[in-house]
Amino acid sequence: MSRGVGPVLVVAGLGVVVLGLLVWTGALGWFGRLPGDVRYQSGTTRVFVPITSMLLASVVLTVVVNVILRLLR
């Protein structure tokens, strides 16, 4: 492994800790309840398709990864 991997792992770990704290405190309670997230409930059947939430997560992760890669160049 190269020496540049260590700081990346530390930053990724800190990011996971911050995300965990946000979920734990309820600050991300809106995630999964966005317009465009499909919910269907009938009797004992429940279907949940978080289309908008996953699109938002994909865009945010793409931007974060691109920023990190540009900083490492």
N, C-alpha and C. Protein backbone atom coordinates (compact mmCIF):
# COMPACT_ATOMS: atom_id res chain seq x y z
N MET A 1 0.83 -1.18 0.00
CA MET A 1 0.00 0.00 0.00
C MET A 1 0.88 1.24 0.00
N SER A 2 0.38 2.26 -0.62
CA SER A 2 1.12 3.52 -0.63
C SER A 2 0.80 4.32 0.64
N ARG A 3 1.63 5.31 0.91
CA ARG A 3 1.45 6.12 2.12
C ARG A 3 0.21 7.02 2.03
N GLY A 4 -0.31 7.28 0.85
CA GLY A 4 -1.46 8.16 0.69
C GLY A 4 -2.78 7.52 1.08
N VAL A 5 -2.79 6.20 1.29
CA VAL A 5 -4.03 5.51 1.62
C VAL A 5 -4.45 5.78 3.07
N GLY A 6 -3.50 5.92 3.96
CA GLY A 6 -3.81 6.14 5.38
C GLY A 6 -4.69 7.34 5.64
N PRO A 7 -4.29 8.52 5.17
CA PRO A 7 -5.15 9.69 5.40
C PRO A 7 -6.54 9.56 4.77
N VAL A 8 -6.62 8.90 3.63
CA VAL A 8 -7.92 8.71 2.98
C VAL A 8 -8.80 7.83 3.86
N LEU A 9 -8.24 6.78 4.43
CA LEU A 9 -9.01 5.91 5.32
C LEU A 9 -9.45 6.64 6.58
N VAL A 10 -8.61 7.50 7.11
CA VAL A 10 -8.97 8.28 8.31
C VAL A 10 -10.12 9.22 7.99
N VAL A 11 -10.05 9.92 6.87
CA VAL A 11 -11.12 10.85 6.48
C VAL A 11 -12.41 10.08 6.21
N ALA A 12 -12.32 8.94 5.55
CA ALA A 12 -13.51 8.13 5.29
C ALA A 12 -14.13 7.66 6.61
N GLY A 13 -13.28 7.25 7.56
CA GLY A 13 -13.79 6.82 8.87
C GLY A 13 -14.48 7.94 9.62
N LEU A 14 -13.89 9.12 9.56
CA LEU A 14 -14.52 10.28 10.21
C LEU A 14 -15.85 10.63 9.54
N GLY A 15 -15.90 10.47 8.23
CA GLY A 15 -17.15 10.72 7.51
C GLY A 15 -18.24 9.75 7.94
N VAL A 16 -17.87 8.49 8.12
CA VAL A 16 -18.84 7.48 8.58
C VAL A 16 -19.31 7.80 9.99
N VAL A 17 -18.41 8.25 10.86
CA VAL A 17 -18.78 8.62 12.23
C VAL A 17 -19.76 9.80 12.22
N VAL A 18 -19.47 10.81 11.41
CA VAL A 18 -20.36 11.99 11.33
C VAL A 18 -21.73 11.57 10.79
N LEU A 19 -21.75 10.74 9.75
CA LEU A 19 -23.02 10.27 9.20
C LEU A 19 -23.79 9.46 10.25
N GLY A 20 -23.09 8.63 11.00
CA GLY A 20 -23.73 7.85 12.06
C GLY A 20 -24.33 8.74 13.14
N LEU A 21 -23.61 9.79 13.51
CA LEU A 21 -24.15 10.73 14.50
C LEU A 21 -25.39 11.46 13.98
N LEU A 22 -25.37 11.82 12.70
CA LEU A 22 -26.55 12.48 12.12
C LEU A 22 -27.76 11.55 12.12
N VAL A 23 -27.55 10.29 11.80
CA VAL A 23 -28.66 9.33 11.81
C VAL A 23 -29.14 9.09 13.23
N TRP A 24 -28.20 8.97 14.16
CA TRP A 24 -28.53 8.69 15.55
C TRP A 24 -29.34 9.81 16.19
N THR A 25 -29.01 11.07 15.86
CA THR A 25 -29.72 12.20 16.45
C THR A 25 -31.04 12.49 15.75
N GLY A 26 -31.27 11.85 14.61
CA GLY A 26 -32.52 12.08 13.88
C GLY A 26 -32.46 13.23 12.90
N ALA A 27 -31.27 13.75 12.64
CA ALA A 27 -31.14 14.89 11.73
C ALA A 27 -31.44 14.49 10.28
N LEU A 28 -31.40 13.21 9.98
CA LEU A 28 -31.70 12.74 8.62
C LEU A 28 -33.06 12.04 8.56
N GLY A 29 -33.98 12.45 9.41
CA GLY A 29 -35.30 11.85 9.45
C GLY A 29 -36.10 12.07 8.18
N TRP A 30 -35.77 13.08 7.42
CA TRP A 30 -36.46 13.40 6.18
C TRP A 30 -36.03 12.48 5.05
N PHE A 31 -34.86 11.86 5.20
CA PHE A 31 -34.34 11.00 4.13
C PHE A 31 -35.19 9.74 4.02
N GLY A 32 -35.69 9.47 2.83
CA GLY A 32 -36.59 8.34 2.63
C GLY A 32 -38.05 8.76 2.59
N ARG A 33 -38.30 10.03 2.83
CA ARG A 33 -39.67 10.55 2.78
C ARG A 33 -39.78 11.70 1.79
N LEU A 34 -38.94 11.69 0.78
CA LEU A 34 -38.94 12.76 -0.21
C LEU A 34 -40.03 12.54 -1.24
N PRO A 35 -40.48 13.61 -1.90
CA PRO A 35 -41.42 13.42 -3.01
C PRO A 35 -40.73 12.59 -4.09
N GLY A 36 -41.39 11.59 -4.58
CA GLY A 36 -40.80 10.71 -5.58
C GLY A 36 -40.41 9.36 -5.00
N ASP A 37 -40.38 9.25 -3.68
CA ASP A 37 -40.16 7.95 -3.04
C ASP A 37 -41.50 7.23 -3.04
N VAL A 38 -41.55 6.07 -3.67
CA VAL A 38 -42.80 5.35 -3.86
C VAL A 38 -43.07 4.44 -2.68
N ARG A 39 -44.28 4.57 -2.12
CA ARG A 39 -44.73 3.69 -1.04
C ARG A 39 -46.07 3.09 -1.44
N TYR A 40 -46.19 1.78 -1.26
CA TYR A 40 -47.44 1.09 -1.53
C TYR A 40 -47.72 0.16 -0.37
N GLN A 41 -48.93 0.25 0.17
CA GLN A 41 -49.31 -0.57 1.31
C GLN A 41 -50.71 -1.11 1.09
N SER A 42 -50.85 -2.43 1.17
CA SER A 42 -52.14 -3.06 0.99
C SER A 42 -52.19 -4.31 1.86
N GLY A 43 -52.99 -4.26 2.89
CA GLY A 43 -53.10 -5.41 3.79
C GLY A 43 -51.77 -5.69 4.47
N THR A 44 -51.20 -6.85 4.21
CA THR A 44 -49.92 -7.22 4.81
C THR A 44 -48.74 -6.96 3.88
N THR A 45 -49.01 -6.42 2.70
CA THR A 45 -47.96 -6.17 1.73
C THR A 45 -47.51 -4.72 1.80
N ARG A 46 -46.20 -4.53 1.90
CA ARG A 46 -45.62 -3.19 1.90
C ARG A 46 -44.49 -3.15 0.88
N VAL A 47 -44.52 -2.13 0.05
CA VAL A 47 -43.46 -1.95 -0.94
C VAL A 47 -42.97 -0.51 -0.83
N PHE A 48 -41.66 -0.35 -0.72
CA PHE A 48 -41.06 0.98 -0.61
C PHE A 48 -39.91 1.06 -1.61
N VAL A 49 -39.98 2.01 -2.52
CA VAL A 49 -38.93 2.21 -3.53
C VAL A 49 -38.44 3.65 -3.40
N PRO A 50 -37.27 3.86 -2.77
CA PRO A 50 -36.78 5.23 -2.52
C PRO A 50 -36.04 5.82 -3.73
N ILE A 51 -36.77 6.09 -4.79
CA ILE A 51 -36.15 6.56 -6.03
C ILE A 51 -35.46 7.91 -5.82
N THR A 52 -36.16 8.89 -5.32
CA THR A 52 -35.59 10.23 -5.15
C THR A 52 -34.46 10.23 -4.11
N SER A 53 -34.64 9.52 -3.04
CA SER A 53 -33.60 9.47 -2.00
C SER A 53 -32.31 8.87 -2.55
N MET A 54 -32.41 7.81 -3.35
CA MET A 54 -31.21 7.18 -3.89
C MET A 54 -30.56 8.05 -4.97
N LEU A 55 -31.36 8.78 -5.74
CA LEU A 55 -30.78 9.73 -6.70
C LEU A 55 -30.01 10.83 -5.97
N LEU A 56 -30.58 11.34 -4.89
CA LEU A 56 -29.90 12.37 -4.09
C LEU A 56 -28.61 11.82 -3.48
N ALA A 57 -28.65 10.61 -2.93
CA ALA A 57 -27.46 9.99 -2.35
C ALA A 57 -26.39 9.78 -3.41
N SER A 58 -26.80 9.37 -4.61
CA SER A 58 -25.85 9.15 -5.69
C SER A 58 -25.16 10.44 -6.12
N VAL A 59 -25.92 11.51 -6.24
CA VAL A 59 -25.33 12.80 -6.63
C VAL A 59 -24.37 13.30 -5.56
N VAL A 60 -24.77 13.21 -4.29
CA VAL A 60 -23.91 13.68 -3.20
C VAL A 60 -22.62 12.87 -3.15
N LEU A 61 -22.71 11.55 -3.23
CA LEU A 61 -21.51 10.71 -3.20
C LEU A 61 -20.61 10.95 -4.41
N THR A 62 -21.20 11.18 -5.58
CA THR A 62 -20.40 11.47 -6.77
C THR A 62 -19.61 12.76 -6.59
N VAL A 63 -20.26 13.79 -6.06
CA VAL A 63 -19.58 15.07 -5.85
C VAL A 63 -18.47 14.91 -4.81
N VAL A 64 -18.74 14.21 -3.72
CA VAL A 64 -17.74 14.02 -2.66
C VAL A 64 -16.53 13.25 -3.19
N VAL A 65 -16.77 12.17 -3.91
CA VAL A 65 -15.66 11.37 -4.45
C VAL A 65 -14.85 12.18 -5.45
N ASN A 66 -15.51 12.95 -6.32
CA ASN A 66 -14.78 13.77 -7.29
C ASN A 66 -13.94 14.85 -6.61
N VAL A 67 -14.46 15.46 -5.56
CA VAL A 67 -13.70 16.47 -4.82
C VAL A 67 -12.48 15.83 -4.16
N ILE A 68 -12.66 14.66 -3.56
CA ILE A 68 -11.54 13.98 -2.91
C ILE A 68 -10.48 13.60 -3.94
N LEU A 69 -10.90 13.07 -5.09
CA LEU A 69 -9.94 12.67 -6.12
C LEU A 69 -9.18 13.89 -6.68
N ARG A 70 -9.85 15.02 -6.81
CA ARG A 70 -9.16 16.23 -7.30
C ARG A 70 -8.18 16.75 -6.28
N LEU A 71 -8.49 16.60 -4.99
CA LEU A 71 -7.57 17.06 -3.95
C LEU A 71 -6.33 16.17 -3.86
N LEU A 72 -6.47 14.90 -4.22
CA LEU A 72 -5.35 13.96 -4.14
C LEU A 72 -4.41 14.05 -5.34
N ARG A 73 -4.81 14.70 -6.41
CA ARG A 73 -3.95 14.82 -7.60
C ARG A 73 -2.87 15.82 -7.42
